[in-house]
Amino acid sequence: MRHNSWQDGVLGTNCPIPPHRNFTYVFQAKDQIGSFFYFPSINFKRASGGYGPIIVNNRSIIPLPFALPYGDIVIMIGDWYTRNHTALRAALDAGEDLGVPDGVLINGKGPYRYNTTLVAGGIDYSTFDVVPGKTYRIRVHNVGISTSLNFRIQNHNLLLAETEGYYTIQQNYTSSDTMKNSAEAVEIFRRR
């Protein structure tokens, strides 16, 4: 929705959607491509899980600058606090800092138990099934509310394809360590 803030949800540009009501967003993504995500801009609703991915594909008359991948993987990483969104907002309204998050979630699930002392057992965590030798587009979003996070893929052939709605200059990497600020997205290809 470049150059148009009418439907961005921030107070002053349009009113919040009343409870139990609907609102249909109508917009043209003519000159934007790639990975984005939606989230509410008021009342700290993003902290309570109010977000999701939006994928904008090229129009059919515009060729992709890379081969079509075998599959897509959407990864939404974000900080997590044990306090609910109303308590977090109250802390900020009182001039307090949110402090260090209580954890990091990947697609809404807790951490992998990499250390039995630090990470409790019985936590459901995200896994991603891939076919060896195939190329995947990995869409990474930081959906957190305050924390910049590093996302790392090591020892794979990678191609940085798109960031923030624009294709990038084609560059290959064998590892990727991407610092994602809150509300940023990037596409990385894992190549054969």
N, C-alpha and C. Protein backbone atom coordinates (compact mmCIF):
# COMPACT_ATOMS: atom_id res chain seq x y z
N MET A 1 0.83 -1.18 0.00
CA MET A 1 0.00 0.00 0.00
C MET A 1 0.88 1.25 0.00
N ARG A 2 1.89 1.23 -0.81
CA ARG A 2 2.82 2.35 -0.90
C ARG A 2 2.08 3.63 -1.27
N HIS A 3 2.46 4.73 -0.67
CA HIS A 3 1.93 6.06 -0.93
C HIS A 3 0.46 6.21 -0.56
N ASN A 4 -0.06 5.34 0.31
CA ASN A 4 -1.46 5.44 0.67
C ASN A 4 -1.61 4.96 2.12
N SER A 5 -1.86 5.89 3.02
CA SER A 5 -2.00 5.50 4.42
C SER A 5 -3.46 5.38 4.85
N TRP A 6 -4.39 5.50 3.91
CA TRP A 6 -5.80 5.52 4.28
C TRP A 6 -6.21 4.28 5.07
N GLN A 7 -5.73 3.11 4.70
CA GLN A 7 -6.18 1.88 5.34
C GLN A 7 -5.11 1.26 6.24
N ASP A 8 -4.16 2.06 6.74
CA ASP A 8 -3.10 1.44 7.52
C ASP A 8 -3.48 1.17 8.96
N GLY A 9 -4.65 1.62 9.39
CA GLY A 9 -5.14 1.28 10.72
C GLY A 9 -4.67 2.17 11.84
N VAL A 10 -3.75 3.09 11.57
CA VAL A 10 -3.26 3.98 12.61
C VAL A 10 -4.32 5.03 12.89
N LEU A 11 -4.56 5.31 14.17
CA LEU A 11 -5.54 6.32 14.53
C LEU A 11 -5.21 7.62 13.81
N GLY A 12 -6.23 8.24 13.26
CA GLY A 12 -6.03 9.47 12.50
C GLY A 12 -6.14 9.25 11.01
N THR A 13 -5.89 8.04 10.54
CA THR A 13 -6.06 7.75 9.12
C THR A 13 -7.36 7.01 8.85
N ASN A 14 -7.77 6.16 9.77
CA ASN A 14 -9.09 5.55 9.72
C ASN A 14 -9.43 5.01 11.10
N CYS A 15 -10.68 4.80 11.34
CA CYS A 15 -11.14 4.35 12.66
C CYS A 15 -10.91 2.85 12.83
N PRO A 16 -10.73 2.40 14.06
CA PRO A 16 -10.60 0.96 14.30
C PRO A 16 -11.86 0.22 13.87
N ILE A 17 -11.71 -1.04 13.53
CA ILE A 17 -12.85 -1.88 13.16
C ILE A 17 -13.58 -2.25 14.45
N PRO A 18 -14.87 -1.94 14.56
CA PRO A 18 -15.61 -2.27 15.78
C PRO A 18 -15.68 -3.79 16.01
N PRO A 19 -15.80 -4.21 17.27
CA PRO A 19 -15.94 -5.64 17.55
C PRO A 19 -17.12 -6.25 16.79
N HIS A 20 -16.93 -7.48 16.34
CA HIS A 20 -17.96 -8.25 15.64
C HIS A 20 -18.37 -7.63 14.30
N ARG A 21 -17.53 -6.78 13.74
CA ARG A 21 -17.78 -6.15 12.44
C ARG A 21 -16.67 -6.53 11.48
N ASN A 22 -16.88 -6.32 10.21
CA ASN A 22 -15.90 -6.62 9.17
C ASN A 22 -15.50 -5.35 8.45
N PHE A 23 -14.33 -5.41 7.84
CA PHE A 23 -13.85 -4.33 6.98
C PHE A 23 -13.03 -4.97 5.88
N THR A 24 -13.35 -4.68 4.65
CA THR A 24 -12.60 -5.24 3.52
C THR A 24 -11.59 -4.23 3.03
N TYR A 25 -10.33 -4.61 3.05
CA TYR A 25 -9.27 -3.75 2.56
C TYR A 25 -9.18 -3.90 1.05
N VAL A 26 -9.15 -2.81 0.35
CA VAL A 26 -9.02 -2.81 -1.10
C VAL A 26 -7.80 -1.98 -1.44
N PHE A 27 -6.81 -2.61 -2.06
CA PHE A 27 -5.60 -1.88 -2.43
C PHE A 27 -4.97 -2.53 -3.64
N GLN A 28 -4.13 -1.79 -4.30
CA GLN A 28 -3.43 -2.30 -5.48
C GLN A 28 -1.95 -2.39 -5.16
N ALA A 29 -1.39 -3.56 -5.33
CA ALA A 29 0.03 -3.77 -5.06
C ALA A 29 0.79 -3.83 -6.38
N LYS A 30 0.44 -2.96 -7.30
CA LYS A 30 0.95 -2.99 -8.67
C LYS A 30 2.48 -2.95 -8.75
N ASP A 31 3.11 -2.10 -7.97
CA ASP A 31 4.56 -1.96 -8.09
C ASP A 31 5.30 -2.56 -6.90
N GLN A 32 4.66 -3.43 -6.14
CA GLN A 32 5.31 -4.08 -5.02
C GLN A 32 5.20 -5.59 -5.18
N ILE A 33 6.26 -6.27 -4.79
CA ILE A 33 6.30 -7.73 -4.84
C ILE A 33 6.88 -8.24 -3.54
N GLY A 34 6.73 -9.52 -3.29
CA GLY A 34 7.46 -10.14 -2.20
C GLY A 34 6.66 -10.46 -0.97
N SER A 35 7.39 -10.44 0.14
CA SER A 35 6.87 -10.91 1.43
C SER A 35 6.59 -9.73 2.35
N PHE A 36 5.38 -9.72 2.87
CA PHE A 36 4.96 -8.70 3.81
C PHE A 36 4.16 -9.40 4.91
N PHE A 37 3.78 -8.66 5.93
CA PHE A 37 2.85 -9.22 6.90
C PHE A 37 1.94 -8.12 7.40
N TYR A 38 0.76 -8.53 7.83
CA TYR A 38 -0.21 -7.57 8.35
C TYR A 38 -0.18 -7.63 9.88
N PHE A 39 -0.53 -6.51 10.50
CA PHE A 39 -0.67 -6.45 11.94
C PHE A 39 -1.47 -5.21 12.32
N PRO A 40 -2.22 -5.26 13.42
CA PRO A 40 -2.96 -4.09 13.86
C PRO A 40 -2.00 -3.07 14.47
N SER A 41 -2.28 -1.80 14.24
CA SER A 41 -1.40 -0.73 14.71
C SER A 41 -1.84 -0.13 16.04
N ILE A 42 -2.94 -0.57 16.59
CA ILE A 42 -3.43 0.04 17.82
C ILE A 42 -3.54 -0.99 18.93
N ASN A 43 -3.53 -0.48 20.15
CA ASN A 43 -3.76 -1.28 21.37
C ASN A 43 -2.81 -2.47 21.54
N PHE A 44 -1.67 -2.43 20.88
CA PHE A 44 -0.64 -3.46 21.07
C PHE A 44 -1.13 -4.86 20.70
N LYS A 45 -2.08 -4.94 19.78
CA LYS A 45 -2.66 -6.24 19.40
C LYS A 45 -1.64 -7.17 18.75
N ARG A 46 -0.59 -6.61 18.11
CA ARG A 46 0.42 -7.48 17.51
C ARG A 46 1.09 -8.34 18.57
N ALA A 47 1.24 -7.80 19.80
CA ALA A 47 1.86 -8.56 20.88
C ALA A 47 1.02 -9.76 21.31
N SER A 48 -0.27 -9.76 20.96
CA SER A 48 -1.11 -10.90 21.33
C SER A 48 -1.33 -11.86 20.16
N GLY A 49 -0.53 -11.71 19.11
CA GLY A 49 -0.60 -12.65 18.00
C GLY A 49 -1.43 -12.19 16.83
N GLY A 50 -1.77 -10.93 16.77
CA GLY A 50 -2.58 -10.41 15.67
C GLY A 50 -1.75 -10.05 14.46
N TYR A 51 -1.25 -11.05 13.75
CA TYR A 51 -0.44 -10.81 12.55
C TYR A 51 -0.48 -12.05 11.66
N GLY A 52 -0.05 -11.88 10.42
CA GLY A 52 0.02 -13.01 9.49
C GLY A 52 0.72 -12.59 8.21
N PRO A 53 1.14 -13.55 7.41
CA PRO A 53 1.88 -13.23 6.19
C PRO A 53 0.99 -12.77 5.03
N ILE A 54 1.56 -11.92 4.19
CA ILE A 54 0.94 -11.54 2.92
C ILE A 54 2.02 -11.74 1.86
N ILE A 55 1.70 -12.49 0.82
CA ILE A 55 2.64 -12.74 -0.27
C ILE A 55 2.08 -12.10 -1.53
N VAL A 56 2.86 -11.19 -2.11
CA VAL A 56 2.46 -10.51 -3.34
C VAL A 56 3.33 -11.05 -4.47
N ASN A 57 2.71 -11.75 -5.40
CA ASN A 57 3.43 -12.33 -6.54
C ASN A 57 3.50 -11.34 -7.70
N ASN A 58 4.47 -11.57 -8.58
CA ASN A 58 4.57 -10.77 -9.81
C ASN A 58 3.32 -10.93 -10.66
N ARG A 59 3.00 -9.90 -11.42
CA ARG A 59 1.98 -10.07 -12.44
C ARG A 59 2.55 -11.04 -13.49
N SER A 60 1.69 -11.76 -14.15
CA SER A 60 2.14 -12.81 -15.09
C SER A 60 2.99 -12.25 -16.24
N ILE A 61 2.85 -10.99 -16.58
CA ILE A 61 3.63 -10.43 -17.69
C ILE A 61 5.03 -9.99 -17.27
N ILE A 62 5.32 -10.03 -15.97
CA ILE A 62 6.64 -9.65 -15.46
C ILE A 62 7.40 -10.91 -15.08
N PRO A 63 8.52 -11.20 -15.72
CA PRO A 63 9.26 -12.42 -15.41
C PRO A 63 9.97 -12.34 -14.05
N LEU A 64 10.10 -13.48 -13.40
CA LEU A 64 10.86 -13.56 -12.16
C LEU A 64 12.34 -13.47 -12.49
N PRO A 65 13.15 -12.83 -11.63
CA PRO A 65 14.60 -12.77 -11.88
C PRO A 65 15.35 -14.00 -11.37
N PHE A 66 14.63 -15.08 -11.12
CA PHE A 66 15.22 -16.32 -10.63
C PHE A 66 14.29 -17.46 -11.01
N ALA A 67 14.82 -18.67 -10.93
CA ALA A 67 14.00 -19.85 -11.24
C ALA A 67 12.95 -20.06 -10.15
N LEU A 68 11.78 -20.55 -10.55
CA LEU A 68 10.72 -20.83 -9.60
C LEU A 68 11.18 -21.92 -8.63
N PRO A 69 11.06 -21.71 -7.31
CA PRO A 69 11.52 -22.70 -6.35
C PRO A 69 10.57 -23.89 -6.24
N TYR A 70 11.07 -24.95 -5.67
CA TYR A 70 10.27 -26.16 -5.43
C TYR A 70 9.18 -25.89 -4.39
N GLY A 71 9.50 -25.05 -3.39
CA GLY A 71 8.52 -24.77 -2.34
C GLY A 71 8.81 -23.47 -1.63
N ASP A 72 7.84 -23.03 -0.86
CA ASP A 72 7.93 -21.81 -0.05
C ASP A 72 7.89 -22.18 1.43
N ILE A 73 8.71 -21.51 2.22
CA ILE A 73 8.67 -21.67 3.68
C ILE A 73 8.54 -20.27 4.27
N VAL A 74 7.48 -20.05 5.04
CA VAL A 74 7.29 -18.77 5.72
C VAL A 74 7.72 -18.94 7.17
N ILE A 75 8.63 -18.08 7.61
CA ILE A 75 9.12 -18.12 8.99
C ILE A 75 8.84 -16.77 9.63
N MET A 76 8.04 -16.79 10.68
CA MET A 76 7.71 -15.57 11.41
C MET A 76 8.34 -15.67 12.80
N ILE A 77 9.39 -14.87 13.01
CA ILE A 77 10.09 -14.88 14.29
C ILE A 77 9.69 -13.63 15.08
N GLY A 78 9.68 -13.75 16.38
CA GLY A 78 9.33 -12.59 17.18
C GLY A 78 9.60 -12.78 18.65
N ASP A 79 9.78 -11.65 19.32
CA ASP A 79 9.97 -11.69 20.77
C ASP A 79 8.67 -12.10 21.45
N TRP A 80 8.81 -12.64 22.65
CA TRP A 80 7.65 -13.13 23.40
C TRP A 80 7.81 -12.73 24.87
N TYR A 81 6.75 -12.21 25.43
CA TYR A 81 6.72 -11.81 26.84
C TYR A 81 5.65 -12.60 27.55
N THR A 82 5.90 -12.95 28.80
CA THR A 82 4.89 -13.67 29.57
C THR A 82 3.74 -12.75 29.97
N ARG A 83 3.98 -11.44 30.00
CA ARG A 83 2.90 -10.48 30.28
C ARG A 83 2.03 -10.35 29.03
N ASN A 84 0.73 -10.16 29.21
CA ASN A 84 -0.15 -10.02 28.05
C ASN A 84 -0.01 -8.63 27.44
N HIS A 85 -0.65 -8.43 26.30
CA HIS A 85 -0.46 -7.18 25.55
C HIS A 85 -0.98 -5.96 26.31
N THR A 86 -1.99 -6.12 27.13
CA THR A 86 -2.49 -4.95 27.88
C THR A 86 -1.50 -4.55 28.96
N ALA A 87 -0.85 -5.52 29.60
CA ALA A 87 0.16 -5.21 30.61
C ALA A 87 1.39 -4.57 29.96
N LEU A 88 1.78 -5.05 28.78
CA LEU A 88 2.92 -4.45 28.08
C LEU A 88 2.62 -3.01 27.70
N ARG A 89 1.42 -2.78 27.19
CA ARG A 89 1.05 -1.41 26.81
C ARG A 89 1.01 -0.51 28.04
N ALA A 90 0.48 -0.99 29.15
CA ALA A 90 0.43 -0.20 30.38
C ALA A 90 1.84 0.17 30.85
N ALA A 91 2.77 -0.77 30.71
CA ALA A 91 4.16 -0.49 31.10
C ALA A 91 4.75 0.63 30.24
N LEU A 92 4.52 0.56 28.95
CA LEU A 92 5.03 1.62 28.07
C LEU A 92 4.35 2.95 28.35
N ASP A 93 3.04 2.93 28.58
CA ASP A 93 2.32 4.17 28.90
C ASP A 93 2.83 4.81 30.18
N ALA A 94 3.34 3.98 31.10
CA ALA A 94 3.89 4.48 32.36
C ALA A 94 5.35 4.91 32.22
N GLY A 95 5.89 4.84 31.00
CA GLY A 95 7.27 5.26 30.75
C GLY A 95 8.30 4.19 31.04
N GLU A 96 7.86 2.97 31.23
CA GLU A 96 8.79 1.87 31.52
C GLU A 96 9.29 1.24 30.23
N ASP A 97 10.44 0.60 30.33
CA ASP A 97 10.99 -0.15 29.21
C ASP A 97 10.44 -1.57 29.27
N LEU A 98 10.24 -2.20 28.13
CA LEU A 98 9.73 -3.58 28.13
C LEU A 98 10.76 -4.57 28.64
N GLY A 99 12.02 -4.23 28.54
CA GLY A 99 13.07 -5.13 29.00
C GLY A 99 13.32 -6.26 28.02
N VAL A 100 14.12 -7.19 28.43
CA VAL A 100 14.47 -8.34 27.61
C VAL A 100 13.26 -9.26 27.51
N PRO A 101 12.93 -9.74 26.31
CA PRO A 101 11.77 -10.64 26.20
C PRO A 101 12.01 -11.95 26.95
N ASP A 102 10.93 -12.63 27.28
CA ASP A 102 11.02 -13.90 27.99
C ASP A 102 11.39 -15.05 27.06
N GLY A 103 11.32 -14.81 25.76
CA GLY A 103 11.68 -15.85 24.80
C GLY A 103 11.51 -15.35 23.39
N VAL A 104 11.77 -16.24 22.45
CA VAL A 104 11.60 -15.96 21.02
C VAL A 104 10.72 -17.07 20.45
N LEU A 105 9.72 -16.68 19.68
CA LEU A 105 8.84 -17.65 19.05
C LEU A 105 9.14 -17.73 17.55
N ILE A 106 9.01 -18.92 17.01
CA ILE A 106 9.11 -19.13 15.56
C ILE A 106 7.77 -19.71 15.12
N ASN A 107 7.07 -18.98 14.26
CA ASN A 107 5.72 -19.35 13.83
C ASN A 107 4.80 -19.63 15.02
N GLY A 108 4.94 -18.80 16.06
CA GLY A 108 4.07 -18.90 17.22
C GLY A 108 4.39 -20.01 18.19
N LYS A 109 5.49 -20.72 17.96
CA LYS A 109 5.85 -21.84 18.82
C LYS A 109 7.17 -21.55 19.54
N GLY A 110 7.36 -22.24 20.65
CA GLY A 110 8.51 -22.00 21.52
C GLY A 110 9.82 -22.54 20.99
N PRO A 111 10.87 -22.38 21.78
CA PRO A 111 12.21 -22.75 21.33
C PRO A 111 12.44 -24.27 21.30
N TYR A 112 13.33 -24.68 20.41
CA TYR A 112 13.82 -26.05 20.37
C TYR A 112 14.62 -26.31 21.64
N ARG A 113 14.53 -27.48 22.19
CA ARG A 113 15.23 -27.78 23.45
C ARG A 113 16.69 -28.14 23.17
N TYR A 114 17.46 -27.09 22.85
CA TYR A 114 18.88 -27.27 22.55
C TYR A 114 19.70 -27.47 23.81
N ASN A 115 19.14 -27.12 24.97
CA ASN A 115 19.85 -27.23 26.23
C ASN A 115 18.83 -27.61 27.30
N THR A 116 19.01 -28.75 27.93
CA THR A 116 18.02 -29.23 28.90
C THR A 116 18.00 -28.40 30.17
N THR A 117 19.05 -27.66 30.44
CA THR A 117 19.07 -26.79 31.63
C THR A 117 18.33 -25.49 31.37
N LEU A 118 18.52 -24.91 30.18
CA LEU A 118 17.94 -23.61 29.87
C LEU A 118 16.52 -23.67 29.33
N VAL A 119 16.18 -24.73 28.62
CA VAL A 119 14.87 -24.81 27.95
C VAL A 119 14.07 -25.97 28.55
N ALA A 120 12.89 -25.63 29.03
CA ALA A 120 12.04 -26.66 29.66
C ALA A 120 11.58 -27.69 28.63
N GLY A 121 11.30 -28.88 29.08
CA GLY A 121 10.80 -29.94 28.21
C GLY A 121 9.32 -29.75 27.91
N GLY A 122 8.83 -30.45 26.89
CA GLY A 122 7.41 -30.44 26.56
C GLY A 122 6.93 -29.24 25.78
N ILE A 123 7.85 -28.40 25.29
CA ILE A 123 7.46 -27.22 24.52
C ILE A 123 7.36 -27.59 23.04
N ASP A 124 6.24 -27.24 22.42
CA ASP A 124 6.06 -27.49 20.99
C ASP A 124 6.88 -26.46 20.22
N TYR A 125 7.71 -26.90 19.27
CA TYR A 125 8.54 -25.99 18.49
C TYR A 125 8.34 -26.25 17.01
N SER A 126 8.71 -25.26 16.20
CA SER A 126 8.51 -25.34 14.75
C SER A 126 9.58 -26.20 14.09
N THR A 127 9.15 -26.99 13.13
CA THR A 127 10.08 -27.73 12.27
C THR A 127 9.66 -27.50 10.83
N PHE A 128 10.59 -27.67 9.90
CA PHE A 128 10.33 -27.44 8.49
C PHE A 128 10.84 -28.63 7.70
N ASP A 129 9.95 -29.30 6.99
CA ASP A 129 10.32 -30.46 6.19
C ASP A 129 10.73 -30.01 4.79
N VAL A 130 11.88 -30.48 4.35
CA VAL A 130 12.37 -30.16 3.01
C VAL A 130 12.85 -31.43 2.32
N VAL A 131 12.85 -31.40 1.00
CA VAL A 131 13.36 -32.51 0.21
C VAL A 131 14.81 -32.20 -0.15
N PRO A 132 15.75 -33.06 0.20
CA PRO A 132 17.16 -32.80 -0.13
C PRO A 132 17.34 -32.57 -1.63
N GLY A 133 18.17 -31.59 -1.98
CA GLY A 133 18.48 -31.31 -3.37
C GLY A 133 17.51 -30.35 -4.05
N LYS A 134 16.45 -29.96 -3.36
CA LYS A 134 15.47 -29.03 -3.93
C LYS A 134 15.74 -27.60 -3.46
N THR A 135 15.25 -26.63 -4.23
CA THR A 135 15.41 -25.22 -3.90
C THR A 135 14.13 -24.69 -3.25
N TYR A 136 14.27 -23.97 -2.16
CA TYR A 136 13.14 -23.41 -1.43
C TYR A 136 13.29 -21.90 -1.28
N ARG A 137 12.18 -21.19 -1.36
CA ARG A 137 12.17 -19.77 -1.03
C ARG A 137 11.80 -19.68 0.44
N ILE A 138 12.65 -19.03 1.23
CA ILE A 138 12.42 -18.88 2.66
C ILE A 138 12.08 -17.42 2.92
N ARG A 139 10.89 -17.19 3.41
CA ARG A 139 10.41 -15.82 3.67
C ARG A 139 10.48 -15.59 5.18
N VAL A 140 11.35 -14.70 5.61
CA VAL A 140 11.59 -14.46 7.04
C VAL A 140 11.02 -13.11 7.44
N HIS A 141 10.18 -13.10 8.47
CA HIS A 141 9.57 -11.87 8.98
C HIS A 141 9.87 -11.74 10.47
N ASN A 142 10.23 -10.54 10.92
CA ASN A 142 10.30 -10.29 12.36
C ASN A 142 8.98 -9.66 12.76
N VAL A 143 8.14 -10.43 13.44
CA VAL A 143 6.82 -9.96 13.85
C VAL A 143 6.82 -9.51 15.31
N GLY A 144 8.00 -9.39 15.90
CA GLY A 144 8.10 -8.97 17.29
C GLY A 144 7.71 -7.52 17.49
N ILE A 145 7.62 -7.12 18.74
CA ILE A 145 7.19 -5.76 19.04
C ILE A 145 8.34 -4.82 19.38
N SER A 146 9.50 -5.37 19.78
CA SER A 146 10.57 -4.44 20.18
C SER A 146 11.98 -4.94 19.95
N THR A 147 12.17 -6.19 19.62
CA THR A 147 13.50 -6.77 19.62
C THR A 147 14.00 -7.07 18.21
N SER A 148 15.22 -6.63 17.91
CA SER A 148 15.89 -7.05 16.68
C SER A 148 16.42 -8.46 16.90
N LEU A 149 16.23 -9.32 15.94
CA LEU A 149 16.63 -10.72 16.07
C LEU A 149 17.55 -11.11 14.92
N ASN A 150 18.50 -11.97 15.20
CA ASN A 150 19.34 -12.53 14.15
C ASN A 150 18.75 -13.86 13.70
N PHE A 151 18.72 -14.06 12.39
CA PHE A 151 18.24 -15.31 11.81
C PHE A 151 19.40 -15.86 10.99
N ARG A 152 19.84 -17.08 11.26
CA ARG A 152 21.04 -17.61 10.64
C ARG A 152 20.76 -18.94 9.95
N ILE A 153 21.29 -19.08 8.73
CA ILE A 153 21.33 -20.34 8.01
C ILE A 153 22.79 -20.57 7.65
N GLN A 154 23.33 -21.72 8.02
CA GLN A 154 24.74 -21.98 7.78
C GLN A 154 24.95 -23.17 6.85
N ASN A 155 26.04 -23.11 6.10
CA ASN A 155 26.51 -24.22 5.27
C ASN A 155 25.50 -24.69 4.23
N HIS A 156 24.83 -23.74 3.59
CA HIS A 156 23.92 -24.02 2.48
C HIS A 156 24.19 -23.00 1.39
N ASN A 157 23.92 -23.35 0.15
CA ASN A 157 24.00 -22.39 -0.93
C ASN A 157 22.75 -21.52 -0.91
N LEU A 158 22.94 -20.22 -0.77
CA LEU A 158 21.82 -19.30 -0.59
C LEU A 158 21.88 -18.17 -1.61
N LEU A 159 20.73 -17.66 -1.96
CA LEU A 159 20.61 -16.50 -2.84
C LEU A 159 19.68 -15.51 -2.17
N LEU A 160 20.15 -14.30 -1.92
CA LEU A 160 19.28 -13.25 -1.39
C LEU A 160 18.44 -12.75 -2.54
N ALA A 161 17.10 -12.86 -2.44
CA ALA A 161 16.22 -12.59 -3.58
C ALA A 161 15.43 -11.29 -3.45
N GLU A 162 14.97 -10.97 -2.25
CA GLU A 162 14.09 -9.80 -2.09
C GLU A 162 14.16 -9.32 -0.66
N THR A 163 14.05 -8.03 -0.49
CA THR A 163 13.94 -7.46 0.84
C THR A 163 13.03 -6.23 0.80
N GLU A 164 12.08 -6.20 1.71
CA GLU A 164 11.16 -5.07 1.84
C GLU A 164 10.47 -4.69 0.54
N GLY A 165 10.06 -5.68 -0.25
CA GLY A 165 9.26 -5.41 -1.44
C GLY A 165 10.04 -5.15 -2.71
N TYR A 166 11.33 -5.34 -2.69
CA TYR A 166 12.15 -5.12 -3.88
C TYR A 166 13.08 -6.30 -4.11
N TYR A 167 13.20 -6.72 -5.36
CA TYR A 167 14.21 -7.73 -5.68
C TYR A 167 15.59 -7.12 -5.48
N THR A 168 16.52 -7.95 -5.07
CA THR A 168 17.88 -7.49 -4.83
C THR A 168 18.78 -7.88 -6.00
N ILE A 169 19.98 -7.33 -6.01
CA ILE A 169 20.99 -7.78 -6.97
C ILE A 169 21.30 -9.23 -6.61
N GLN A 170 21.30 -10.10 -7.61
CA GLN A 170 21.50 -11.52 -7.37
C GLN A 170 22.90 -11.77 -6.80
N GLN A 171 22.97 -12.25 -5.57
CA GLN A 171 24.24 -12.55 -4.93
C GLN A 171 24.11 -13.85 -4.16
N ASN A 172 25.10 -14.73 -4.33
CA ASN A 172 25.09 -16.03 -3.68
C ASN A 172 25.90 -15.99 -2.39
N TYR A 173 25.46 -16.78 -1.42
CA TYR A 173 26.13 -16.89 -0.12
C TYR A 173 26.16 -18.37 0.27
N THR A 174 27.09 -18.72 1.16
CA THR A 174 27.08 -20.08 1.72
C THR A 174 26.50 -20.08 3.13
N SER A 175 26.39 -18.91 3.72
CA SER A 175 25.74 -18.74 5.02
C SER A 175 25.01 -17.41 5.01
N SER A 176 23.99 -17.30 5.84
CA SER A 176 23.27 -16.04 5.96
C SER A 176 23.02 -15.77 7.42
N ASP A 177 23.44 -14.61 7.86
CA ASP A 177 23.16 -14.16 9.22
C ASP A 177 22.49 -12.82 9.07
N THR A 178 21.18 -12.80 9.14
CA THR A 178 20.38 -11.62 8.86
C THR A 178 19.84 -11.05 10.15
N MET A 179 20.16 -9.77 10.41
CA MET A 179 19.56 -9.10 11.56
C MET A 179 18.24 -8.51 11.12
N LYS A 180 17.17 -8.93 11.75
CA LYS A 180 15.84 -8.48 11.39
C LYS A 180 15.30 -7.56 12.47
N ASN A 181 15.09 -6.30 12.11
CA ASN A 181 14.43 -5.39 13.03
C ASN A 181 12.95 -5.68 13.03
N SER A 182 12.28 -5.19 14.03
CA SER A 182 10.84 -5.42 14.13
C SER A 182 10.14 -4.89 12.88
N ALA A 183 9.22 -5.70 12.34
CA ALA A 183 8.40 -5.36 11.16
C ALA A 183 9.18 -5.37 9.85
N GLU A 184 10.24 -6.15 9.76
CA GLU A 184 10.98 -6.29 8.51
C GLU A 184 10.80 -7.69 7.94
N ALA A 185 10.97 -7.79 6.60
CA ALA A 185 10.86 -9.08 5.93
C ALA A 185 11.96 -9.22 4.89
N VAL A 186 12.37 -10.46 4.61
CA VAL A 186 13.40 -10.74 3.60
C VAL A 186 13.11 -12.12 3.00
N GLU A 187 13.48 -12.30 1.73
CA GLU A 187 13.37 -13.61 1.08
C GLU A 187 14.77 -14.13 0.78
N ILE A 188 15.02 -15.38 1.15
CA ILE A 188 16.29 -16.04 0.88
C ILE A 188 15.97 -17.36 0.19
N PHE A 189 16.74 -17.70 -0.84
CA PHE A 189 16.56 -18.99 -1.49
C PHE A 189 17.62 -19.94 -0.97
N ARG A 190 17.19 -21.13 -0.56
CA ARG A 190 18.11 -22.21 -0.24
C ARG A 190 18.24 -23.01 -1.51
N ARG A 191 19.43 -23.00 -2.10
CA ARG A 191 19.64 -23.64 -3.40
C ARG A 191 20.27 -25.02 -3.22
N ARG A 192 20.12 -25.81 -4.29
CA ARG A 192 20.75 -27.13 -4.29
C ARG A 192 22.23 -27.01 -4.16
